[in-house]
Every structure is written in C-alpha cells, then in structure tokens.
Amino acid sequence: MAPTGVYHRVSNYIRGTPAYTIIYVLPFYLFPTTRPSPSLSRDAPSVIRARIRVVGASVIVSSIVTIYVLSITVTPSALEIFRLLGWYPISVPEIARSLLLTGLLFAGPLFEKGVVESGWREWIRGGSLHETLSSWIGWRNFVAGPITEELVFRSLLIPLHLLTSMSPSQIIFLCPLYFGIAHIHHFYEFTLTHPHTLLVPALVRSLIQFGYTTVFGWFAAFVFVRTGSVWAAVLVHSFCNWAGLPRVWGKVEGSAIIGPVGKEERQRGKEDEDPVQVADGKLGIMWTVAYYVLLFLGAGAFCKCLWRLTESRRALLKI
C-alpha cells in the first residue's frame, strides 16, 4: 500500500475512473463502421474489425493516463509500474494455477463438452481451437475481448484503487461494477437487431448479463490482486467465454454439432442468441447424474482451493 500522503493525491484521479468505462464503450457508437444497425449485427466481421481497432486505441489512451498517474504519485520506475499493472513479470505457474482453479468450477461443463459430446477428440487435435480463432467472432470473444477488458477493468482500474484508503473488499466488489456496466449497452444492440422482442424480456436478458458479468468480474479481480498477473485474468476470461454459463437444470443429452450453425456456435462461445444445429441422441439418466455430481464436487473443490491456487509472492495485496 502507498504512504498516507499519496492517498489524497490519488483519490482525485479515482473520481475519474468511471470515465474509463465510457472511453471503452463510447467509440462503438461514434463511427458508422463500429455502429450496428437493424441490418448490420455486432457479429458482422466488418463491425468486429472496426471495434477491435477503436477499442485498442481506447486501451492505449487509458494505459498512458494510468501510467502517468502512477509515475507522478507512486514511482517513476517503469518496472515497478508494470508490476503494479500486472504486466510484468509473466509468471506461468500463476497462470496455470488460475486456469486449474477455473477448470474445477467448470468440471461439469467440461465433462459435458468433452465426454458427452465427444469434444475431447477435437481438443487433442487442436481442430476446434484453429476453427474458432479463424473467425472474427472467435478473435473477439477469446482474444481481443478478454485482453482489452482485463487491461482496462482490472489492470488499469484496480491499481489506482489500491493506492487509496479503500479496503480490499471494497476494491474487489466495486471495480467489477464498472465491468458489468460496460455490458449494459448490449441491451440497445439486442433491441436494435431483434425489434420484435418485447421490452421486458430484453431488459431481463440485459440484467442477467449484468449480473453474471459482475460476478465474473469479482472473481477476475480476486485472481488479479492475488496473483499480481493480468495475464492470468485474461486466460481465465477466455476460458469462461469458451465454456459459457454452466447448466444448472435439465437433462444432459448427447448431441453432435452439424452444419454451419454448429460452427458458429462454437465460435460464439458465451453467446446463445442463435439456436444450435445438432443431431440429438438420448442418453441414460446416469449421464445427467454424473454431470451434476461433477458440477457439485467441482464447485466444492473450487471453494476449497480458491486461496491456495491463487497464492503468490507477487500479489498486489494480502487478503
């Protein structure tokens, strides 16, 4: 933590941190190439390419501002600033343990994707990874999105808050609210491309998205401050986008993805706006039992290992 004299200087900058959310989201609607329309989805390759460019510029601007603030309030040392931002050093063990921890939480979905749907064959060959990253939707969901969002909402915002008198709990629970708010604009985009959807269902959809993005933000913030690595948070983010929300009700049914819709679904990952084209297969009840047992045991193991697997001597604070 910084000396007391630094708190008052940094607190003036903290009041402006909500602007980081605006700087991140606003460019999506400033230019015709980044702005969706009833006839042009946010998933259109041209829109994705343009948005990656403008959000990249936004992240650069926000990074320069944050580095400048840290240099005049904390230290002129570039290496120390990069350490506070979680950029350096890149520690593979912290990244691996964070991914293992997240995998425990998704033990049930991994079982469903890998065993029930026989996805393990594609995982071994690496075919699904190549197929996913060969599309602009894949690049957005698993590369550009996680990197830019974790840089802004974890790497840039949290160090500024750590230098104030705010408690660790306040920081971990407050900063992800910016992250959740940054996803509210999806409500506008959804109603724009789905004009026949009633307002209440669309609003509920956006509130649910705000809820789970905020919850994920809490976890990502926890990983970031405990490991001191933004790259651990980035890869956890990519993994969660790929895995999607775990099934918490219903039966597990065997299916094989067929046709172009299945390919698009694999690229979308966390999104479920379009139906998946599958070949159905009926399975015995024991497959569903196995899924929920693994989901339950995985959640228990996640809670038990939460502190141990995120422990690091590079932690930004001790909690």
Protein backbone atom coordinates (compact mmCIF):
# COMPACT_ATOMS: atom_id res chain seq x y z
CA MET A 1 0.00 0.00 0.00
CA ALA A 2 1.13 3.53 -0.65
CA PRO A 3 2.13 6.07 2.03
CA THR A 4 -0.67 8.13 3.53
CA GLY A 5 0.37 11.24 1.64
CA VAL A 6 -0.31 9.51 -1.63
CA TYR A 7 -3.93 8.67 -0.78
CA HIS A 8 -5.20 12.22 -1.16
CA ARG A 9 -3.40 12.77 -4.47
CA VAL A 10 -4.65 9.53 -6.00
CA SER A 11 -8.21 9.96 -4.70
CA ASN A 12 -8.67 12.90 -7.05
CA TYR A 13 -7.91 10.64 -10.00
CA ILE A 14 -10.16 7.86 -8.71
CA ARG A 15 -13.19 10.10 -9.15
CA GLY A 16 -12.48 10.00 -12.88
CA THR A 17 -12.14 6.23 -13.23
CA PRO A 18 -15.77 5.74 -14.38
CA ALA A 19 -14.62 7.62 -17.47
CA TYR A 20 -12.58 4.52 -18.35
CA THR A 21 -15.86 2.68 -18.95
CA ILE A 22 -17.09 5.50 -21.18
CA ILE A 23 -13.81 5.62 -23.10
CA TYR A 24 -14.06 1.87 -23.65
CA VAL A 25 -17.70 1.74 -24.81
CA LEU A 26 -18.37 5.11 -26.48
CA PRO A 27 -16.20 4.52 -29.58
CA PHE A 28 -18.50 1.62 -30.51
CA TYR A 29 -21.14 4.20 -31.45
CA LEU A 30 -19.08 7.12 -32.73
CA PHE A 31 -18.33 5.74 -36.18
CA PRO A 32 -20.52 4.23 -38.89
CA THR A 33 -18.14 1.26 -39.17
CA THR A 34 -18.47 0.36 -35.48
CA ARG A 35 -22.15 1.14 -35.00
CA PRO A 36 -24.61 -1.75 -35.51
CA SER A 37 -27.96 -1.25 -37.22
CA PRO A 38 -31.13 -3.28 -37.75
CA SER A 39 -29.49 -4.74 -40.84
CA LEU A 40 -25.93 -4.95 -39.50
CA SER A 41 -25.24 -7.14 -36.46
CA ARG A 42 -22.45 -6.60 -33.95
CA ASP A 43 -21.26 -10.04 -35.13
CA ALA A 44 -20.63 -8.82 -38.67
CA PRO A 45 -16.89 -9.19 -39.45
CA SER A 46 -16.63 -5.57 -40.59
CA VAL A 47 -18.09 -4.34 -37.29
CA ILE A 48 -15.84 -6.61 -35.23
CA ARG A 49 -12.70 -5.50 -37.08
CA ALA A 50 -13.55 -1.83 -36.68
CA ARG A 51 -14.41 -2.25 -33.00
CA ILE A 52 -11.16 -4.07 -32.26
CA ARG A 53 -9.26 -1.15 -33.78
CA VAL A 54 -11.07 1.58 -31.84
CA VAL A 55 -11.09 -0.30 -28.53
CA GLY A 56 -7.37 -0.95 -28.97
CA ALA A 57 -6.86 2.80 -29.28
CA SER A 58 -9.02 3.36 -26.18
CA VAL A 59 -6.92 0.92 -24.16
CA ILE A 60 -3.72 2.66 -25.26
CA VAL A 61 -5.08 6.06 -24.18
CA SER A 62 -6.29 4.70 -20.82
CA SER A 63 -2.94 2.96 -20.27
CA ILE A 64 -0.98 6.15 -20.92
CA VAL A 65 -3.17 8.07 -18.46
CA THR A 66 -2.79 5.42 -15.76
CA ILE A 67 0.97 5.09 -16.21
CA TYR A 68 1.31 8.86 -15.97
CA VAL A 69 -0.76 8.99 -12.77
CA LEU A 70 1.26 6.19 -11.18
CA SER A 71 4.55 7.78 -12.24
CA ILE A 72 3.79 11.10 -10.50
CA THR A 73 2.11 9.65 -7.42
CA VAL A 74 3.91 6.39 -6.68
CA THR A 75 7.17 5.74 -8.52
CA PRO A 76 8.98 6.83 -11.67
CA SER A 77 10.27 3.28 -12.12
CA ALA A 78 8.81 1.69 -15.26
CA LEU A 79 9.35 -1.84 -13.95
CA GLU A 80 7.54 -1.06 -10.69
CA ILE A 81 4.63 0.46 -12.60
CA PHE A 82 4.42 -2.58 -14.87
CA ARG A 83 4.42 -4.77 -11.75
CA LEU A 84 1.52 -2.78 -10.28
CA LEU A 85 -0.34 -3.17 -13.57
CA GLY A 86 0.29 -6.92 -13.55
CA TRP A 87 2.09 -6.78 -16.88
CA TYR A 88 5.48 -7.93 -15.62
CA PRO A 89 6.86 -10.42 -14.80
CA ILE A 90 4.82 -13.00 -16.71
CA SER A 91 4.60 -15.96 -14.35
CA VAL A 92 3.49 -19.24 -15.93
CA PRO A 93 2.81 -21.01 -12.58
CA GLU A 94 0.30 -18.33 -11.51
CA ILE A 95 -1.44 -18.55 -14.87
CA ALA A 96 -1.58 -22.35 -14.77
CA ARG A 97 -2.94 -22.46 -11.22
CA SER A 98 -5.60 -19.89 -12.04
CA LEU A 99 -6.74 -21.93 -15.04
CA LEU A 100 -6.77 -25.10 -12.92
CA LEU A 101 -8.92 -23.34 -10.33
CA THR A 102 -11.37 -22.19 -13.00
CA GLY A 103 -11.43 -25.66 -14.53
CA LEU A 104 -12.56 -27.09 -11.18
CA LEU A 105 -15.54 -24.75 -11.20
CA PHE A 106 -16.42 -25.94 -14.71
CA ALA A 107 -15.86 -29.65 -14.08
CA GLY A 108 -19.47 -30.43 -15.06
CA PRO A 109 -19.46 -28.44 -18.32
CA LEU A 110 -16.05 -29.87 -19.24
CA PHE A 111 -17.49 -33.35 -18.75
CA GLU A 112 -20.47 -32.48 -20.95
CA LYS A 113 -18.41 -30.86 -23.70
CA GLY A 114 -15.53 -33.30 -23.62
CA VAL A 115 -17.12 -36.66 -22.81
CA VAL A 116 -20.84 -36.48 -23.53
CA GLU A 117 -20.39 -34.54 -26.77
CA SER A 118 -17.05 -36.26 -27.56
CA GLY A 119 -15.27 -32.94 -27.79
CA TRP A 120 -12.06 -34.39 -26.37
CA ARG A 121 -11.09 -35.66 -29.83
CA GLU A 122 -11.13 -32.12 -31.22
CA TRP A 123 -9.26 -30.84 -28.17
CA ILE A 124 -6.43 -33.32 -28.74
CA ARG A 125 -6.18 -32.50 -32.45
CA GLY A 126 -6.47 -28.77 -31.78
CA GLY A 127 -9.01 -28.55 -34.58
CA SER A 128 -11.65 -26.62 -32.65
CA LEU A 129 -9.07 -24.05 -31.49
CA HIS A 130 -7.91 -23.40 -35.05
CA GLU A 131 -11.50 -23.27 -36.30
CA THR A 132 -12.55 -20.88 -33.54
CA LEU A 133 -9.66 -18.46 -33.95
CA SER A 134 -10.02 -18.43 -37.73
CA SER A 135 -13.17 -16.31 -37.37
CA TRP A 136 -13.56 -12.70 -36.28
CA ILE A 137 -16.18 -13.75 -33.72
CA GLY A 138 -13.62 -16.10 -32.21
CA TRP A 139 -10.96 -13.40 -32.12
CA ARG A 140 -13.35 -11.02 -30.39
CA ASN A 141 -14.63 -13.48 -27.79
CA PHE A 142 -11.40 -15.25 -26.93
CA VAL A 143 -8.57 -12.84 -27.75
CA ALA A 144 -9.40 -9.15 -28.22
CA GLY A 145 -12.29 -9.03 -25.73
CA PRO A 146 -10.51 -10.72 -22.79
CA ILE A 147 -7.26 -8.82 -23.34
CA THR A 148 -8.78 -5.34 -23.66
CA GLU A 149 -11.38 -5.83 -20.92
CA GLU A 150 -8.91 -7.24 -18.41
CA LEU A 151 -6.39 -4.50 -19.17
CA VAL A 152 -8.94 -1.74 -18.56
CA PHE A 153 -11.17 -3.14 -15.82
CA ARG A 154 -8.52 -5.00 -13.84
CA SER A 155 -5.01 -3.88 -14.78
CA LEU A 156 -5.70 -0.13 -15.01
CA LEU A 157 -8.54 0.46 -12.57
CA ILE A 158 -7.57 -1.74 -9.64
CA PRO A 159 -4.01 -0.38 -9.05
CA LEU A 160 -5.41 3.16 -8.79
CA HIS A 161 -7.94 1.97 -6.19
CA LEU A 162 -5.27 0.02 -4.32
CA LEU A 163 -3.44 3.28 -3.67
CA THR A 164 -6.37 4.74 -1.76
CA SER A 165 -7.62 4.00 1.73
CA MET A 166 -10.32 1.68 0.35
CA SER A 167 -10.37 -1.80 1.85
CA PRO A 168 -9.52 -4.83 -0.30
CA SER A 169 -13.14 -5.99 -0.13
CA GLN A 170 -14.41 -2.62 -1.33
CA ILE A 171 -11.97 -2.66 -4.25
CA ILE A 172 -12.77 -6.21 -5.34
CA PHE A 173 -16.52 -5.59 -5.20
CA LEU A 174 -16.55 -2.04 -6.59
CA CYS A 175 -14.27 -2.27 -9.66
CA PRO A 176 -16.23 -5.12 -11.32
CA LEU A 177 -19.33 -2.91 -11.28
CA TYR A 178 -17.64 -0.80 -13.97
CA PHE A 179 -17.14 -4.03 -15.92
CA GLY A 180 -20.81 -5.01 -15.55
CA ILE A 181 -21.99 -1.54 -16.54
CA ALA A 182 -19.81 -1.71 -19.66
CA HIS A 183 -22.01 -4.58 -20.90
CA ILE A 184 -25.35 -2.79 -20.48
CA HIS A 185 -25.04 -1.33 -23.98
CA HIS A 186 -25.80 -4.84 -25.27
CA PHE A 187 -29.43 -4.10 -24.35
CA TYR A 188 -29.56 -1.40 -27.02
CA GLU A 189 -27.85 -3.61 -29.58
CA PHE A 190 -30.15 -6.55 -28.86
CA THR A 191 -33.32 -4.48 -29.24
CA LEU A 192 -31.88 -2.96 -32.41
CA THR A 193 -31.31 -6.32 -34.10
CA HIS A 194 -34.37 -8.02 -32.51
CA PRO A 195 -37.06 -5.33 -32.94
CA HIS A 196 -39.94 -7.77 -32.37
CA THR A 197 -38.72 -8.83 -28.93
CA LEU A 198 -40.81 -7.38 -26.10
CA LEU A 199 -39.10 -4.77 -23.92
CA VAL A 200 -39.41 -6.66 -20.63
CA PRO A 201 -37.73 -9.89 -21.82
CA ALA A 202 -34.96 -7.85 -23.43
CA LEU A 203 -34.47 -5.92 -20.20
CA VAL A 204 -34.41 -9.09 -18.13
CA ARG A 205 -31.84 -10.54 -20.51
CA SER A 206 -29.60 -7.49 -20.03
CA LEU A 207 -29.99 -7.55 -16.25
CA ILE A 208 -28.99 -11.21 -16.18
CA GLN A 209 -25.97 -10.39 -18.32
CA PHE A 210 -25.07 -7.52 -15.98
CA GLY A 211 -25.36 -9.94 -13.07
CA TYR A 212 -23.11 -12.68 -14.39
CA THR A 213 -20.52 -10.29 -15.84
CA THR A 214 -20.30 -8.56 -12.46
CA VAL A 215 -19.94 -11.89 -10.65
CA PHE A 216 -17.22 -12.92 -13.07
CA GLY A 217 -15.61 -9.52 -12.53
CA TRP A 218 -15.40 -10.22 -8.81
CA PHE A 219 -13.60 -13.47 -9.49
CA ALA A 220 -11.26 -11.92 -12.08
CA ALA A 221 -10.45 -9.05 -9.70
CA PHE A 222 -9.70 -11.58 -6.95
CA VAL A 223 -7.39 -13.53 -9.27
CA PHE A 224 -5.65 -10.34 -10.37
CA VAL A 225 -4.90 -8.96 -6.90
CA ARG A 226 -3.95 -12.38 -5.52
CA THR A 227 -1.62 -13.39 -8.36
CA GLY A 228 -0.46 -9.94 -9.47
CA SER A 229 -0.85 -11.11 -13.05
CA VAL A 230 -3.26 -9.60 -15.53
CA TRP A 231 -2.39 -12.42 -17.94
CA ALA A 232 -3.84 -14.96 -15.52
CA ALA A 233 -7.08 -12.95 -15.53
CA VAL A 234 -7.01 -12.73 -19.34
CA LEU A 235 -6.74 -16.50 -19.82
CA VAL A 236 -9.37 -17.18 -17.16
CA HIS A 237 -11.63 -14.74 -19.02
CA SER A 238 -11.04 -16.51 -22.34
CA PHE A 239 -11.74 -19.88 -20.77
CA CYS A 240 -15.03 -18.67 -19.24
CA ASN A 241 -16.11 -17.17 -22.55
CA TRP A 242 -15.46 -20.52 -24.21
CA ALA A 243 -17.20 -22.57 -21.51
CA GLY A 244 -20.26 -20.31 -21.20
CA LEU A 245 -22.64 -20.42 -18.25
CA PRO A 246 -22.80 -23.88 -16.62
CA ARG A 247 -26.00 -25.87 -16.97
CA VAL A 248 -27.83 -25.74 -13.61
CA TRP A 249 -31.01 -27.53 -14.62
CA GLY A 250 -32.30 -30.01 -17.19
CA LYS A 251 -31.03 -33.31 -18.52
CA VAL A 252 -27.74 -33.90 -20.28
CA GLU A 253 -28.41 -35.13 -23.80
CA GLY A 254 -25.95 -36.46 -26.32
CA SER A 255 -25.53 -34.33 -29.41
CA ALA A 256 -23.26 -33.94 -32.37
CA ILE A 257 -22.77 -30.49 -33.88
CA ILE A 258 -23.56 -30.44 -37.59
CA GLY A 259 -23.63 -27.78 -40.29
CA PRO A 260 -22.57 -24.13 -40.27
CA VAL A 261 -24.75 -23.18 -37.31
CA GLY A 262 -22.83 -25.53 -35.07
CA LYS A 263 -19.57 -23.99 -36.22
CA GLU A 264 -20.83 -20.51 -35.46
CA GLU A 265 -21.97 -21.57 -32.01
CA ARG A 266 -18.52 -22.90 -31.27
CA GLN A 267 -17.08 -19.54 -32.27
CA ARG A 268 -19.62 -17.57 -30.23
CA GLY A 269 -18.79 -19.40 -27.04
CA LYS A 270 -20.56 -17.44 -24.32
CA GLU A 271 -23.35 -16.14 -26.56
CA ASP A 272 -26.54 -18.07 -27.18
CA GLU A 273 -28.58 -15.74 -29.34
CA ASP A 274 -28.93 -18.26 -32.19
CA PRO A 275 -30.06 -21.90 -31.94
CA VAL A 276 -27.51 -24.68 -32.26
CA GLN A 277 -27.99 -27.17 -35.08
CA VAL A 278 -27.35 -30.60 -33.56
CA ALA A 279 -28.11 -34.25 -34.06
CA ASP A 280 -29.93 -35.36 -30.93
CA GLY A 281 -29.11 -38.50 -29.03
CA LYS A 282 -30.93 -39.85 -25.98
CA LEU A 283 -28.77 -40.76 -23.02
CA GLY A 284 -29.45 -42.60 -19.80
CA ILE A 285 -30.17 -40.70 -16.61
CA MET A 286 -26.75 -41.63 -15.19
CA TRP A 287 -25.07 -39.22 -17.59
CA THR A 288 -27.10 -36.39 -16.10
CA VAL A 289 -26.35 -37.63 -12.58
CA ALA A 290 -22.63 -37.74 -13.39
CA TYR A 291 -22.79 -34.18 -14.73
CA TYR A 292 -24.40 -32.72 -11.62
CA VAL A 293 -22.16 -34.71 -9.28
CA LEU A 294 -19.10 -33.33 -11.06
CA LEU A 295 -20.62 -29.84 -11.05
CA PHE A 296 -21.21 -30.06 -7.29
CA LEU A 297 -17.82 -31.63 -6.49
CA GLY A 298 -16.06 -29.16 -8.75
CA ALA A 299 -17.72 -26.20 -7.02
CA GLY A 300 -16.66 -27.63 -3.66
CA ALA A 301 -13.09 -28.13 -4.84
CA PHE A 302 -13.10 -24.59 -6.26
CA CYS A 303 -14.08 -23.13 -2.89
CA LYS A 304 -11.54 -25.27 -1.05
CA CYS A 305 -8.66 -24.38 -3.39
CA LEU A 306 -9.60 -20.73 -4.00
CA TRP A 307 -6.95 -19.28 -1.69
CA ARG A 308 -4.26 -21.90 -2.20
CA LEU A 309 -4.27 -21.82 -6.01
CA THR A 310 -4.20 -18.01 -6.18
CA GLU A 311 -1.45 -17.54 -3.62
CA SER A 312 1.59 -15.72 -4.99
CA ARG A 313 4.52 -13.72 -3.72
CA ARG A 314 3.68 -11.24 -6.50
CA ALA A 315 0.25 -10.49 -5.00
CA LEU A 316 -0.76 -6.84 -5.13
CA LEU A 317 -2.25 -7.09 -1.64
CA LYS A 318 -2.62 -9.68 1.08
CA ILE A 319 -6.18 -10.86 1.66
